[in-house]
């Protein structure tokens, strides 16, 4: 074989090798790209897919909650009215009403919280209120703009002949001096209504014998 033929064969062989190498490179690039796409698909978070596919929906419970009005509460700007009701054993009464500043301990309360507060107030009645004859503390009206409370006291306005009170669980009648016993009635205060028990613990006056015996008869019935 002459040198010219050998050179031609070598050149053809080199060209073929270059073509084969180029084809291999193209094939490998395509294979790597396909594999990369598959890997990306395999790494997709199902939660993300679900988020994209499913339409955004607001639960019905959330919609209902947002539609509910917020409870009204007492603020420092709420109009506060305190009624003071005085009564006595002869059912005389007098009602006073005053606009006052909102007590700090009831600010931010809802109606239910205020009712619980008043109930606890009467269960743990302050000594000065007890001595003044407080019978009840009530909620009359409630809104975010206005609150009306009423305190009812037993009152002694006129001259009376007798004084009734609870002595060791028994209704005892004194003369108006609150010292001389007129009668031990034998009536147990535990058998009377809650409000009457409170009145007797405080003590109150009765005008005369007629009213006294009518009252004792009602206690015994």
N, C-alpha and C. Protein backbone atom coordinates (compact mmCIF):
# COMPACT_ATOMS: atom_id res chain seq x y z
N UNK A 1 0.86 -1.19 0.00
CA UNK A 1 0.00 0.00 0.00
C UNK A 1 0.88 1.23 0.00
N UNK A 2 0.58 2.12 -0.91
CA UNK A 2 1.43 3.30 -0.94
C UNK A 2 1.02 4.30 0.13
N UNK A 3 1.84 5.23 0.33
CA UNK A 3 1.62 6.22 1.39
C UNK A 3 0.35 7.04 1.16
N UNK A 4 0.03 7.35 -0.06
CA UNK A 4 -1.16 8.17 -0.37
C UNK A 4 -2.44 7.46 0.08
N UNK A 5 -2.48 6.12 -0.23
CA UNK A 5 -3.69 5.37 0.14
C UNK A 5 -3.83 5.28 1.66
N UNK A 6 -2.70 5.09 2.32
CA UNK A 6 -2.74 5.00 3.79
C UNK A 6 -3.27 6.30 4.40
N UNK A 7 -2.84 7.42 3.88
CA UNK A 7 -3.29 8.71 4.41
C UNK A 7 -4.79 8.89 4.21
N UNK A 8 -5.30 8.41 3.05
CA UNK A 8 -6.75 8.56 2.79
C UNK A 8 -7.55 7.72 3.77
N UNK A 9 -7.09 6.47 3.99
CA UNK A 9 -7.80 5.58 4.92
C UNK A 9 -7.80 6.18 6.33
N UNK A 10 -6.66 6.71 6.76
CA UNK A 10 -6.57 7.33 8.11
C UNK A 10 -7.51 8.52 8.24
N UNK A 11 -7.54 9.34 7.17
CA UNK A 11 -8.41 10.53 7.22
C UNK A 11 -9.87 10.12 7.32
N UNK A 12 -10.24 9.08 6.53
CA UNK A 12 -11.64 8.60 6.59
C UNK A 12 -11.96 8.04 7.99
N UNK A 13 -11.01 7.29 8.54
CA UNK A 13 -11.24 6.72 9.88
C UNK A 13 -11.42 7.79 10.95
N UNK A 14 -10.58 8.83 10.85
CA UNK A 14 -10.69 9.94 11.83
C UNK A 14 -12.03 10.64 11.69
N UNK A 15 -12.47 10.85 10.48
CA UNK A 15 -13.76 11.53 10.26
C UNK A 15 -14.91 10.72 10.84
N UNK A 16 -14.83 9.38 10.59
CA UNK A 16 -15.90 8.51 11.14
C UNK A 16 -15.91 8.58 12.66
N UNK A 17 -14.70 8.55 13.24
CA UNK A 17 -14.63 8.62 14.73
C UNK A 17 -15.22 9.92 15.26
N UNK A 18 -14.90 11.01 14.53
CA UNK A 18 -15.44 12.32 14.99
C UNK A 18 -16.95 12.33 14.92
N UNK A 19 -17.49 11.76 13.83
CA UNK A 19 -18.96 11.72 13.67
C UNK A 19 -19.58 10.88 14.78
N UNK A 20 -18.98 9.72 15.08
CA UNK A 20 -19.52 8.85 16.13
C UNK A 20 -19.47 9.54 17.51
N UNK A 21 -18.36 10.24 17.76
CA UNK A 21 -18.25 10.93 19.06
C UNK A 21 -19.30 12.03 19.18
N UNK A 22 -19.52 12.78 18.07
CA UNK A 22 -20.54 13.85 18.09
C UNK A 22 -21.93 13.29 18.36
N UNK A 23 -22.23 12.16 17.70
CA UNK A 23 -23.55 11.53 17.91
C UNK A 23 -23.72 11.06 19.36
N UNK A 24 -22.63 10.54 19.92
CA UNK A 24 -22.69 10.08 21.32
C UNK A 24 -22.95 11.24 22.29
N UNK A 25 -22.29 12.36 22.01
CA UNK A 25 -22.48 13.54 22.87
C UNK A 25 -23.91 14.03 22.82
N UNK A 26 -24.47 14.11 21.58
CA UNK A 26 -25.86 14.56 21.43
C UNK A 26 -26.81 13.62 22.16
N UNK A 27 -26.54 12.29 22.00
CA UNK A 27 -27.42 11.31 22.67
C UNK A 27 -27.37 11.46 24.19
N UNK A 28 -26.16 11.61 24.72
CA UNK A 28 -26.00 11.74 26.18
C UNK A 28 -26.70 13.00 26.71
N UNK A 29 -26.63 14.11 25.97
CA UNK A 29 -27.29 15.35 26.40
C UNK A 29 -28.80 15.17 26.46
N UNK A 30 -29.32 14.52 25.43
CA UNK A 30 -30.77 14.28 25.40
C UNK A 30 -31.20 13.37 26.56
N UNK A 31 -30.38 12.34 26.80
CA UNK A 31 -30.71 11.41 27.88
C UNK A 31 -30.69 12.11 29.24
N UNK A 32 -29.65 12.93 29.47
CA UNK A 32 -29.55 13.65 30.74
C UNK A 32 -30.71 14.62 30.92
N UNK A 33 -31.12 15.30 29.85
CA UNK A 33 -32.24 16.25 29.93
C UNK A 33 -33.54 15.56 30.27
N UNK A 34 -33.73 14.39 29.63
CA UNK A 34 -34.97 13.63 29.92
C UNK A 34 -34.99 13.15 31.35
N UNK A 35 -33.85 12.65 31.83
CA UNK A 35 -33.76 12.16 33.21
C UNK A 35 -33.98 13.30 34.19
N UNK A 36 -33.45 14.49 33.87
CA UNK A 36 -33.63 15.63 34.77
C UNK A 36 -35.08 16.02 34.89
N UNK A 37 -35.79 16.00 33.76
CA UNK A 37 -37.22 16.32 33.82
C UNK A 37 -37.97 15.32 34.66
N UNK A 38 -37.59 14.03 34.50
CA UNK A 38 -38.26 13.00 35.30
C UNK A 38 -38.00 13.20 36.78
N UNK A 39 -36.74 13.58 37.12
CA UNK A 39 -36.42 13.80 38.53
C UNK A 39 -37.22 14.96 39.09
N UNK A 40 -37.36 16.04 38.29
CA UNK A 40 -38.13 17.19 38.75
C UNK A 40 -39.58 16.82 38.99
N UNK A 41 -40.11 16.00 38.08
CA UNK A 41 -41.50 15.57 38.25
C UNK A 41 -41.65 14.72 39.49
N UNK A 42 -40.63 13.89 39.77
CA UNK A 42 -40.70 13.03 40.95
C UNK A 42 -40.61 13.84 42.22
N UNK A 43 -39.99 15.02 42.18
CA UNK A 43 -39.82 15.84 43.38
C UNK A 43 -40.97 16.80 43.61
N UNK A 44 -41.97 16.81 42.77
CA UNK A 44 -43.10 17.72 42.95
C UNK A 44 -43.87 17.34 44.20
N UNK A 45 -44.14 18.33 45.05
CA UNK A 45 -44.91 18.10 46.28
C UNK A 45 -46.39 17.91 45.95
N UNK A 46 -46.97 16.76 46.32
CA UNK A 46 -48.40 16.54 46.03
C UNK A 46 -49.27 17.64 46.61
N UNK A 47 -48.83 18.21 47.76
CA UNK A 47 -49.63 19.27 48.36
C UNK A 47 -49.66 20.49 47.47
N UNK A 48 -48.50 20.78 46.82
CA UNK A 48 -48.45 21.92 45.91
C UNK A 48 -49.35 21.70 44.71
N UNK A 49 -49.33 20.45 44.19
CA UNK A 49 -50.19 20.14 43.06
C UNK A 49 -51.64 20.33 43.43
N UNK A 50 -51.98 19.86 44.64
CA UNK A 50 -53.36 19.98 45.10
C UNK A 50 -53.76 21.44 45.27
N UNK A 51 -52.81 22.24 45.76
CA UNK A 51 -53.10 23.66 45.94
C UNK A 51 -53.40 24.34 44.61
N UNK A 52 -52.65 23.90 43.53
CA UNK A 52 -52.86 24.52 42.24
C UNK A 52 -54.14 24.04 41.58
N UNK A 53 -54.47 22.76 41.81
CA UNK A 53 -55.61 22.17 41.11
C UNK A 53 -56.92 22.56 41.78
N UNK A 54 -56.92 22.47 43.13
CA UNK A 54 -58.17 22.71 43.83
C UNK A 54 -58.46 24.21 43.92
N UNK A 55 -59.68 24.63 43.66
CA UNK A 55 -60.02 26.05 43.79
C UNK A 55 -60.02 26.47 45.23
N UNK A 56 -59.68 27.71 45.48
CA UNK A 56 -59.68 28.24 46.84
C UNK A 56 -61.10 28.33 47.34
N UNK A 57 -61.34 27.70 48.50
CA UNK A 57 -62.68 27.70 49.08
C UNK A 57 -62.59 28.14 50.53
N UNK A 58 -63.55 28.90 50.98
CA UNK A 58 -63.64 29.33 52.39
C UNK A 58 -64.63 28.43 53.10
N UNK A 59 -64.20 27.73 54.16
CA UNK A 59 -65.13 26.85 54.88
C UNK A 59 -66.37 27.60 55.34
N UNK A 60 -67.50 26.89 55.33
CA UNK A 60 -68.76 27.52 55.73
C UNK A 60 -68.70 28.01 57.16
N UNK A 61 -67.98 27.25 58.02
CA UNK A 61 -67.90 27.66 59.44
C UNK A 61 -67.21 28.99 59.57
N UNK A 62 -66.17 29.22 58.72
CA UNK A 62 -65.46 30.50 58.78
C UNK A 62 -66.37 31.63 58.32
N UNK A 63 -67.15 31.37 57.25
CA UNK A 63 -68.08 32.39 56.77
C UNK A 63 -69.10 32.74 57.83
N UNK A 64 -69.62 31.69 58.52
CA UNK A 64 -70.62 31.95 59.56
C UNK A 64 -70.03 32.75 60.69
N UNK A 65 -68.77 32.41 61.06
CA UNK A 65 -68.13 33.11 62.18
C UNK A 65 -67.93 34.59 61.86
N UNK A 66 -67.55 34.87 60.61
CA UNK A 66 -67.30 36.26 60.26
C UNK A 66 -68.60 37.05 60.17
N UNK A 67 -69.72 36.34 59.96
CA UNK A 67 -71.00 37.02 59.87
C UNK A 67 -71.59 37.34 61.24
N UNK A 68 -71.12 36.65 62.30
CA UNK A 68 -71.68 36.86 63.63
C UNK A 68 -71.22 38.22 64.18
N UNK A 69 -72.16 38.99 64.77
CA UNK A 69 -71.77 40.28 65.35
C UNK A 69 -70.91 40.09 66.60
N UNK A 70 -69.98 40.97 66.80
CA UNK A 70 -69.14 40.89 67.99
C UNK A 70 -69.97 41.29 69.21
N UNK A 71 -69.75 40.61 70.37
CA UNK A 71 -70.51 40.97 71.57
C UNK A 71 -70.21 42.39 72.01
N UNK A 72 -71.24 43.09 72.49
CA UNK A 72 -71.05 44.45 72.97
C UNK A 72 -70.35 44.43 74.32
N UNK A 73 -69.47 45.39 74.52
CA UNK A 73 -68.73 45.48 75.78
C UNK A 73 -68.81 46.91 76.31
N UNK A 74 -68.60 47.02 77.60
CA UNK A 74 -68.59 48.33 78.26
C UNK A 74 -67.25 48.99 78.02
N UNK A 75 -67.28 50.25 77.66
CA UNK A 75 -66.06 51.03 77.48
C UNK A 75 -66.10 52.24 78.40
N UNK A 76 -65.01 52.98 78.41
CA UNK A 76 -64.96 54.19 79.24
C UNK A 76 -65.92 55.26 78.73
N UNK A 77 -66.37 55.11 77.47
CA UNK A 77 -67.30 56.07 76.88
C UNK A 77 -68.76 55.65 77.05
N UNK A 78 -68.99 54.48 77.60
CA UNK A 78 -70.36 54.02 77.81
C UNK A 78 -71.06 54.89 78.85
N UNK A 79 -72.30 55.27 78.57
CA UNK A 79 -73.07 56.06 79.55
C UNK A 79 -73.48 55.13 80.69
N UNK A 80 -73.11 55.50 81.91
CA UNK A 80 -73.38 54.65 83.07
C UNK A 80 -74.38 55.34 83.98
N UNK A 81 -75.49 54.67 84.24
CA UNK A 81 -76.55 55.21 85.09
C UNK A 81 -76.73 54.27 86.29
N UNK A 82 -76.67 54.83 87.49
CA UNK A 82 -76.89 54.05 88.70
C UNK A 82 -78.19 54.50 89.35
N UNK A 83 -79.12 53.57 89.46
CA UNK A 83 -80.38 53.82 90.17
C UNK A 83 -80.26 53.33 91.61
N UNK A 84 -80.77 54.11 92.53
CA UNK A 84 -80.80 53.71 93.93
C UNK A 84 -82.26 53.67 94.37
N UNK A 85 -82.67 52.48 94.79
CA UNK A 85 -84.07 52.25 95.15
C UNK A 85 -84.15 51.98 96.64
N UNK A 86 -84.93 52.81 97.34
CA UNK A 86 -85.11 52.64 98.78
C UNK A 86 -86.53 52.13 99.05
N UNK A 87 -86.61 51.08 99.86
CA UNK A 87 -87.93 50.58 100.28
C UNK A 87 -87.92 50.37 101.78
N UNK A 88 -89.12 50.32 102.38
CA UNK A 88 -89.20 50.01 103.80
C UNK A 88 -90.25 48.93 104.01
N UNK A 89 -90.45 48.56 105.25
CA UNK A 89 -91.34 47.45 105.57
C UNK A 89 -92.78 47.72 105.17
N UNK A 90 -93.17 48.95 105.00
CA UNK A 90 -94.54 49.29 104.63
C UNK A 90 -94.68 49.50 103.12
N UNK A 91 -93.67 49.03 102.39
CA UNK A 91 -93.68 49.09 100.92
C UNK A 91 -93.65 50.51 100.37
N UNK A 92 -93.22 51.47 101.18
CA UNK A 92 -92.94 52.79 100.64
C UNK A 92 -91.68 52.66 99.78
N UNK A 93 -91.60 53.40 98.72
CA UNK A 93 -90.37 53.33 97.92
C UNK A 93 -90.02 54.68 97.31
N UNK A 94 -88.77 54.77 96.96
CA UNK A 94 -88.24 56.00 96.35
C UNK A 94 -87.09 55.60 95.43
N UNK A 95 -87.09 56.14 94.23
CA UNK A 95 -86.08 55.78 93.26
C UNK A 95 -85.28 57.01 92.84
N UNK A 96 -83.97 56.94 93.01
CA UNK A 96 -83.08 58.01 92.57
C UNK A 96 -82.24 57.50 91.40
N UNK A 97 -81.86 58.41 90.51
CA UNK A 97 -81.08 58.01 89.33
C UNK A 97 -80.00 59.04 89.07
N UNK A 98 -78.77 58.56 88.90
CA UNK A 98 -77.65 59.47 88.66
C UNK A 98 -76.77 58.94 87.53
N UNK A 99 -76.25 59.85 86.71
CA UNK A 99 -75.24 59.51 85.71
C UNK A 99 -73.87 59.59 86.38
N UNK A 100 -73.10 58.54 86.26
CA UNK A 100 -71.80 58.48 86.91
C UNK A 100 -70.74 57.99 85.91
N UNK A 101 -69.48 58.14 86.30
CA UNK A 101 -68.40 57.56 85.50
C UNK A 101 -68.46 56.04 85.59
N UNK A 102 -68.07 55.39 84.52
CA UNK A 102 -68.10 53.92 84.51
C UNK A 102 -67.08 53.39 85.52
N UNK A 103 -67.49 52.54 86.47
CA UNK A 103 -66.52 51.95 87.41
C UNK A 103 -65.45 51.18 86.64
N UNK A 104 -64.22 51.36 87.03
CA UNK A 104 -63.11 50.75 86.30
C UNK A 104 -63.18 49.22 86.29
N UNK A 105 -63.77 48.62 87.33
CA UNK A 105 -63.78 47.16 87.40
C UNK A 105 -64.81 46.51 86.49
N UNK A 106 -65.65 47.28 85.80
CA UNK A 106 -66.59 46.66 84.87
C UNK A 106 -66.30 47.03 83.41
N UNK A 107 -65.25 47.84 83.18
CA UNK A 107 -64.88 48.19 81.80
C UNK A 107 -64.41 46.93 81.06
N UNK A 108 -64.84 46.81 79.82
CA UNK A 108 -64.51 45.68 78.93
C UNK A 108 -65.35 44.44 79.20
N UNK A 109 -66.35 44.55 80.09
CA UNK A 109 -67.21 43.40 80.36
C UNK A 109 -68.33 43.29 79.32
N UNK A 110 -68.71 42.05 79.01
CA UNK A 110 -69.90 41.79 78.20
C UNK A 110 -71.10 41.73 79.14
N UNK A 111 -72.29 41.57 78.58
CA UNK A 111 -73.50 41.48 79.40
C UNK A 111 -73.40 40.30 80.37
N UNK A 112 -73.00 39.14 79.85
CA UNK A 112 -72.91 37.94 80.69
C UNK A 112 -71.89 38.13 81.80
N UNK A 113 -70.77 38.74 81.49
CA UNK A 113 -69.74 38.96 82.51
C UNK A 113 -70.22 39.93 83.57
N UNK A 114 -70.99 40.94 83.18
CA UNK A 114 -71.52 41.90 84.14
C UNK A 114 -72.54 41.24 85.05
N UNK A 115 -73.38 40.39 84.50
CA UNK A 115 -74.37 39.68 85.31
C UNK A 115 -73.68 38.79 86.34
N UNK A 116 -72.60 38.12 85.93
CA UNK A 116 -71.84 37.29 86.87
C UNK A 116 -71.20 38.16 87.96
N UNK A 117 -70.73 39.33 87.56
CA UNK A 117 -70.11 40.26 88.52
C UNK A 117 -71.11 40.70 89.59
N UNK A 118 -72.33 41.04 89.16
CA UNK A 118 -73.35 41.48 90.10
C UNK A 118 -73.77 40.35 91.05
N UNK A 119 -73.86 39.15 90.50
CA UNK A 119 -74.22 38.00 91.33
C UNK A 119 -73.15 37.77 92.41
N UNK A 120 -71.88 37.83 92.00
CA UNK A 120 -70.80 37.63 92.96
C UNK A 120 -70.77 38.76 93.98
N UNK A 121 -71.09 39.98 93.55
CA UNK A 121 -71.11 41.13 94.45
C UNK A 121 -72.09 40.89 95.61
N UNK A 122 -73.27 40.33 95.28
CA UNK A 122 -74.27 40.08 96.31
C UNK A 122 -73.91 38.87 97.17
N UNK A 123 -73.18 37.91 96.57
CA UNK A 123 -72.76 36.75 97.36
C UNK A 123 -71.68 37.13 98.36
N UNK A 124 -70.86 38.11 98.00
CA UNK A 124 -69.78 38.58 98.88
C UNK A 124 -69.99 40.06 99.17
N UNK A 125 -71.16 40.40 99.64
CA UNK A 125 -71.57 41.79 99.82
C UNK A 125 -70.62 42.54 100.76
N UNK A 126 -70.10 43.70 100.35
CA UNK A 126 -69.21 44.49 101.22
C UNK A 126 -69.92 44.87 102.53
N UNK A 127 -69.15 45.00 103.58
CA UNK A 127 -69.72 45.27 104.90
C UNK A 127 -70.52 46.57 104.92
N UNK A 128 -70.00 47.62 104.28
CA UNK A 128 -70.72 48.90 104.31
C UNK A 128 -72.07 48.80 103.59
N UNK A 129 -72.11 48.00 102.51
CA UNK A 129 -73.37 47.81 101.80
C UNK A 129 -74.35 47.00 102.66
N UNK A 130 -73.82 46.02 103.36
CA UNK A 130 -74.65 45.21 104.25
C UNK A 130 -75.26 46.07 105.35
N UNK A 131 -74.44 46.93 105.95
CA UNK A 131 -74.94 47.78 107.03
C UNK A 131 -75.92 48.83 106.51
N UNK A 132 -75.76 49.22 105.23
CA UNK A 132 -76.70 50.18 104.65
C UNK A 132 -78.00 49.54 104.20
N UNK A 133 -78.05 48.22 104.29
CA UNK A 133 -79.30 47.52 103.97
C UNK A 133 -79.47 47.16 102.51
N UNK A 134 -78.37 46.89 101.80
CA UNK A 134 -78.48 46.52 100.39
C UNK A 134 -79.20 45.18 100.25
N UNK A 135 -80.27 45.18 99.45
CA UNK A 135 -81.05 43.96 99.21
C UNK A 135 -80.72 43.31 97.88
N UNK A 136 -80.46 44.12 96.86
CA UNK A 136 -80.19 43.55 95.54
C UNK A 136 -79.37 44.53 94.70
N UNK A 137 -78.69 43.98 93.70
CA UNK A 137 -77.91 44.76 92.74
C UNK A 137 -78.23 44.16 91.38
N UNK A 138 -78.95 44.92 90.54
CA UNK A 138 -79.52 44.37 89.32
C UNK A 138 -79.06 45.11 88.07
N UNK A 139 -79.06 44.37 86.96
CA UNK A 139 -78.84 44.96 85.65
C UNK A 139 -80.19 45.30 85.05
N UNK A 140 -80.42 46.58 84.75
CA UNK A 140 -81.69 47.04 84.18
C UNK A 140 -81.63 47.14 82.67
N UNK A 141 -80.51 47.65 82.15
CA UNK A 141 -80.37 47.81 80.70
C UNK A 141 -78.90 47.70 80.33
N UNK A 142 -78.64 47.09 79.15
CA UNK A 142 -77.24 46.93 78.72
C UNK A 142 -77.13 47.11 77.22
N UNK A 143 -76.17 47.95 76.83
CA UNK A 143 -75.77 48.05 75.43
C UNK A 143 -74.36 48.63 75.44
N UNK A 144 -73.73 48.68 74.27
CA UNK A 144 -72.40 49.26 74.21
C UNK A 144 -72.40 50.75 74.51
N UNK A 145 -73.58 51.37 74.37
CA UNK A 145 -73.69 52.83 74.57
C UNK A 145 -74.19 53.21 75.95
N UNK A 146 -74.95 52.30 76.61
CA UNK A 146 -75.57 52.67 77.87
C UNK A 146 -75.77 51.45 78.76
N UNK A 147 -75.47 51.64 80.05
CA UNK A 147 -75.68 50.58 81.04
C UNK A 147 -76.41 51.19 82.24
N UNK A 148 -77.48 50.51 82.68
CA UNK A 148 -78.23 50.97 83.85
C UNK A 148 -78.20 49.86 84.90
N UNK A 149 -77.72 50.18 86.08
CA UNK A 149 -77.72 49.26 87.22
C UNK A 149 -78.59 49.84 88.32
N UNK A 150 -79.13 48.94 89.14
CA UNK A 150 -79.99 49.41 90.24
C UNK A 150 -79.62 48.70 91.54
N UNK A 151 -79.41 49.51 92.58
CA UNK A 151 -79.21 48.99 93.93
C UNK A 151 -80.47 49.26 94.74
N UNK A 152 -80.96 48.23 95.42
CA UNK A 152 -82.15 48.37 96.26
C UNK A 152 -81.76 48.21 97.72
N UNK A 153 -82.16 49.20 98.52
CA UNK A 153 -81.84 49.20 99.95
C UNK A 153 -83.12 49.17 100.78
N UNK A 154 -83.04 48.49 101.93
CA UNK A 154 -84.09 48.60 102.93
C UNK A 154 -83.89 49.93 103.64
N UNK A 155 -84.99 50.66 103.84
CA UNK A 155 -84.87 52.00 104.41
C UNK A 155 -85.84 52.19 105.56
N UNK A 156 -85.44 53.00 106.49
CA UNK A 156 -86.25 53.31 107.68
C UNK A 156 -86.49 54.82 107.67
N UNK A 157 -87.68 55.24 107.15
CA UNK A 157 -87.94 56.66 106.99
C UNK A 157 -88.77 57.27 108.13
N UNK A 158 -89.67 56.45 108.68
CA UNK A 158 -90.63 57.00 109.66
C UNK A 158 -90.38 56.41 111.03
N UNK A 159 -91.10 56.94 112.00
CA UNK A 159 -91.04 56.38 113.34
C UNK A 159 -91.79 55.05 113.36
N UNK A 160 -91.16 54.02 113.90
CA UNK A 160 -91.78 52.70 113.94
C UNK A 160 -91.78 52.19 115.38
N UNK A 161 -92.70 51.24 115.60
CA UNK A 161 -92.86 50.72 116.96
C UNK A 161 -92.03 49.47 117.20
N UNK A 162 -91.81 48.67 116.15
CA UNK A 162 -91.10 47.40 116.32
C UNK A 162 -89.95 47.26 115.32
N UNK A 163 -89.05 46.36 115.70
CA UNK A 163 -87.88 46.09 114.87
C UNK A 163 -87.69 44.58 114.77
N UNK A 164 -87.64 44.05 113.53
CA UNK A 164 -87.48 42.62 113.31
C UNK A 164 -86.06 42.33 112.83
N UNK A 165 -85.52 41.19 113.31
CA UNK A 165 -84.20 40.78 112.84
C UNK A 165 -84.00 39.28 113.06
N UNK A 166 -82.93 38.79 112.51
CA UNK A 166 -82.57 37.37 112.64
C UNK A 166 -81.62 37.23 113.82
N UNK A 167 -82.00 36.41 114.80
CA UNK A 167 -81.14 36.14 115.94
C UNK A 167 -80.91 34.63 115.99
N UNK A 168 -79.73 34.21 115.60
CA UNK A 168 -79.34 32.79 115.60
C UNK A 168 -80.38 31.94 114.85
N UNK A 169 -80.80 32.45 113.68
CA UNK A 169 -81.69 31.67 112.83
C UNK A 169 -83.16 31.77 113.19
N UNK A 170 -83.52 32.67 114.12
CA UNK A 170 -84.93 32.84 114.51
C UNK A 170 -85.34 34.30 114.32
N UNK A 171 -86.60 34.49 113.91
CA UNK A 171 -87.14 35.84 113.78
C UNK A 171 -87.50 36.35 115.17
N UNK A 172 -86.84 37.43 115.57
CA UNK A 172 -87.08 38.02 116.90
C UNK A 172 -87.58 39.44 116.71
N UNK A 173 -88.59 39.81 117.51
CA UNK A 173 -89.18 41.14 117.43
C UNK A 173 -88.72 41.97 118.64
N UNK A 174 -88.13 43.13 118.35
CA UNK A 174 -87.72 44.06 119.39
C UNK A 174 -88.63 45.29 119.32
N UNK A 175 -88.60 46.05 120.40
CA UNK A 175 -89.19 47.38 120.34
C UNK A 175 -88.25 48.26 119.50
N UNK A 176 -88.67 49.44 119.19
CA UNK A 176 -87.92 50.30 118.28
C UNK A 176 -86.53 50.67 118.80
N UNK A 177 -86.27 50.43 120.10
CA UNK A 177 -84.94 50.73 120.62
C UNK A 177 -83.90 49.68 120.21
N UNK A 178 -84.37 48.61 119.55
CA UNK A 178 -83.52 47.51 119.07
C UNK A 178 -82.82 46.76 120.20
N UNK A 179 -83.30 46.96 121.41
CA UNK A 179 -82.64 46.35 122.57
C UNK A 179 -83.61 45.53 123.41
N UNK A 180 -84.82 46.04 123.57
CA UNK A 180 -85.82 45.36 124.39
C UNK A 180 -86.63 44.38 123.54
N UNK A 181 -86.60 43.09 123.95
CA UNK A 181 -87.30 42.07 123.16
C UNK A 181 -88.81 42.16 123.40
N UNK A 182 -89.55 42.20 122.30
CA UNK A 182 -91.01 42.18 122.37
C UNK A 182 -91.53 40.75 122.26
N UNK A 183 -90.91 39.94 121.37
CA UNK A 183 -91.39 38.57 121.21
C UNK A 183 -90.34 37.71 120.49
N UNK A 184 -90.17 36.49 121.04
CA UNK A 184 -89.43 35.47 120.30
C UNK A 184 -90.46 34.67 119.50
N UNK A 185 -90.41 34.77 118.20
CA UNK A 185 -91.50 34.22 117.38
C UNK A 185 -91.41 32.72 117.15
N UNK A 186 -90.24 32.15 117.27
CA UNK A 186 -90.07 30.72 116.98
C UNK A 186 -90.03 30.42 115.48
N UNK A 187 -90.10 31.45 114.66
CA UNK A 187 -90.07 31.26 113.20
C UNK A 187 -88.61 31.15 112.75
N UNK A 188 -88.29 30.07 112.04
CA UNK A 188 -86.93 29.86 111.57
C UNK A 188 -86.71 30.60 110.24
N UNK A 189 -85.65 31.39 110.21
CA UNK A 189 -85.40 32.18 108.99
C UNK A 189 -85.03 31.28 107.80
N UNK A 190 -84.54 30.06 108.08
CA UNK A 190 -84.17 29.15 107.00
C UNK A 190 -85.39 28.74 106.17
N UNK A 191 -86.59 28.88 106.74
CA UNK A 191 -87.81 28.51 106.02
C UNK A 191 -88.37 29.65 105.17
N UNK A 192 -87.70 30.81 105.22
CA UNK A 192 -88.19 31.98 104.48
C UNK A 192 -87.43 32.12 103.15
N UNK A 193 -87.94 33.00 102.30
CA UNK A 193 -87.30 33.26 101.01
C UNK A 193 -85.94 33.92 101.18
N UNK A 194 -85.12 33.82 100.14
CA UNK A 194 -83.74 34.35 100.21
C UNK A 194 -83.73 35.85 100.48
N UNK A 195 -84.57 36.59 99.79
CA UNK A 195 -84.58 38.05 99.98
C UNK A 195 -85.02 38.42 101.38
N UNK A 196 -85.99 37.69 101.92
CA UNK A 196 -86.48 37.98 103.28
C UNK A 196 -85.41 37.63 104.31
N UNK A 197 -84.66 36.58 104.04
CA UNK A 197 -83.57 36.22 104.96
C UNK A 197 -82.54 37.35 105.02
N UNK A 198 -82.25 37.94 103.87
CA UNK A 198 -81.28 39.04 103.84
C UNK A 198 -81.82 40.24 104.61
N UNK A 199 -83.10 40.56 104.39
CA UNK A 199 -83.70 41.70 105.10
C UNK A 199 -83.64 41.49 106.61
N UNK A 200 -83.88 40.26 107.06
CA UNK A 200 -83.86 39.99 108.50
C UNK A 200 -82.44 40.01 109.06
N UNK A 201 -81.47 39.61 108.25
CA UNK A 201 -80.08 39.70 108.72
C UNK A 201 -79.69 41.17 108.91
N UNK A 202 -80.21 42.02 108.01
CA UNK A 202 -79.96 43.45 108.13
C UNK A 202 -80.79 44.04 109.27
N UNK A 203 -82.04 43.57 109.36
CA UNK A 203 -83.00 44.11 110.35
C UNK A 203 -83.80 45.25 109.78
N UNK A 204 -85.10 45.32 110.11
CA UNK A 204 -85.92 46.43 109.62
C UNK A 204 -87.07 46.72 110.59
N UNK A 205 -87.64 47.91 110.44
CA UNK A 205 -88.68 48.38 111.35
C UNK A 205 -90.08 48.07 110.80
N UNK A 206 -91.02 47.94 111.76
CA UNK A 206 -92.44 47.74 111.44
C UNK A 206 -93.22 48.80 112.22
N UNK A 207 -94.22 49.37 111.57
CA UNK A 207 -94.90 50.54 112.14
C UNK A 207 -95.69 50.25 113.40
N UNK A 208 -96.50 49.16 113.40
CA UNK A 208 -97.40 48.93 114.54
C UNK A 208 -97.71 47.44 114.66
N UNK A 209 -98.53 47.09 115.66
CA UNK A 209 -98.85 45.69 115.91
C UNK A 209 -99.63 45.07 114.76
N UNK A 210 -100.53 45.82 114.18
CA UNK A 210 -101.34 45.29 113.08
C UNK A 210 -100.43 44.83 111.93
N UNK A 211 -99.52 45.68 111.57
CA UNK A 211 -98.61 45.32 110.49
C UNK A 211 -97.67 44.20 110.92
N UNK A 212 -97.26 44.21 112.20
CA UNK A 212 -96.36 43.17 112.71
C UNK A 212 -96.99 41.79 112.60
N UNK A 213 -98.21 41.65 113.10
CA UNK A 213 -98.83 40.33 113.12
C UNK A 213 -99.23 39.86 111.71
N UNK A 214 -99.55 40.80 110.84
CA UNK A 214 -99.83 40.42 109.46
C UNK A 214 -98.54 39.87 108.81
N UNK A 215 -97.44 40.48 109.15
CA UNK A 215 -96.16 40.04 108.60
C UNK A 215 -95.77 38.69 109.17
N UNK A 216 -95.91 38.51 110.48
CA UNK A 216 -95.57 37.23 111.10
C UNK A 216 -96.46 36.10 110.57
N UNK A 217 -97.72 36.42 110.33
CA UNK A 217 -98.63 35.41 109.79
C UNK A 217 -98.18 34.97 108.38
N UNK A 218 -97.70 35.93 107.59
CA UNK A 218 -97.20 35.58 106.26
C UNK A 218 -95.95 34.72 106.36
N UNK A 219 -95.13 34.94 107.39
CA UNK A 219 -93.94 34.12 107.59
C UNK A 219 -94.31 32.68 107.96
N UNK A 220 -95.39 32.54 108.69
CA UNK A 220 -95.79 31.22 109.21
C UNK A 220 -96.56 30.40 108.19
N UNK A 221 -97.13 31.05 107.18
CA UNK A 221 -97.98 30.34 106.21
C UNK A 221 -97.15 29.60 105.16
